Amino acid sequence: MYDHKTGRYINGEKTFETFNQARAHQWKCEKCERTFSKFPDLKKHKNDDHAY
């Protein structure tokens, strides 16, 4: 989401200068808090690193 007052992009609790930076941190793993730009990458990370 773009904040017109500050001129920055807001993604959750973080703010970014550019849209590309905000997009790169769109999806977040709940266990290790690593961020991903694509949901399939997050899903693969969870299966590879956190599956029991």
Protein backbone atom coordinates (compact mmCIF):
# COMPACT_ATOMS: atom_id res chain seq x y z
CA MET A 1 0.00 0.00 0.00
CA TYR A 2 1.31 3.46 -0.87
CA ASP A 3 1.25 6.19 1.76
CA HIS A 4 0.81 9.55 0.04
CA LYS A 5 1.78 11.52 3.15
CA THR A 6 5.23 9.94 3.51
CA GLY A 7 5.78 8.94 -0.11
CA ARG A 8 6.65 5.39 0.91
CA TYR A 9 5.20 1.93 0.49
CA ILE A 10 3.89 0.17 3.57
CA ASN A 11 3.90 -3.60 3.87
CA GLY A 12 2.64 -4.70 7.25
CA GLU A 13 4.73 -2.89 9.85
CA LYS A 14 7.64 -2.05 7.51
CA THR A 15 8.03 0.85 5.11
CA PHE A 16 10.00 0.85 1.86
CA GLU A 17 11.26 3.50 -0.54
CA THR A 18 10.23 1.73 -3.74
CA PHE A 19 7.48 -0.59 -4.88
CA ASN A 20 10.04 -3.26 -5.82
CA GLN A 21 11.44 -3.30 -2.29
CA ALA A 22 7.95 -3.66 -0.83
CA ARG A 23 7.10 -6.42 -3.31
CA ALA A 24 10.27 -8.33 -2.41
CA HIS A 25 9.04 -8.56 1.18
CA GLN A 26 5.41 -9.35 0.42
CA TRP A 27 5.20 -12.87 1.94
CA LYS A 28 6.63 -13.75 5.35
CA CYS A 29 7.37 -17.10 6.98
CA GLU A 30 5.83 -17.19 10.45
CA LYS A 31 8.48 -19.49 11.91
CA CYS A 32 11.75 -17.84 10.83
CA GLU A 33 10.35 -14.46 9.68
CA ARG A 34 12.17 -14.65 6.33
CA THR A 35 10.45 -12.71 3.55
CA PHE A 36 9.70 -13.75 -0.04
CA SER A 37 8.49 -11.98 -3.16
CA LYS A 38 6.38 -14.89 -4.43
CA PHE A 39 3.95 -17.14 -2.59
CA PRO A 40 5.19 -20.34 -4.30
CA ASP A 41 8.69 -19.55 -2.98
CA LEU A 42 7.31 -19.20 0.53
CA LYS A 43 5.38 -22.46 0.19
CA LYS A 44 8.49 -24.30 -1.05
CA HIS A 45 10.56 -22.82 1.80
CA LYS A 46 8.04 -24.03 4.37
CA ASN A 47 7.99 -27.53 2.90
CA ASP A 48 11.76 -27.77 2.60
CA ASP A 49 12.85 -26.09 5.83
CA HIS A 50 9.99 -26.47 8.31
CA ALA A 51 8.21 -29.69 7.36
CA TYR A 52 8.48 -32.50 9.87
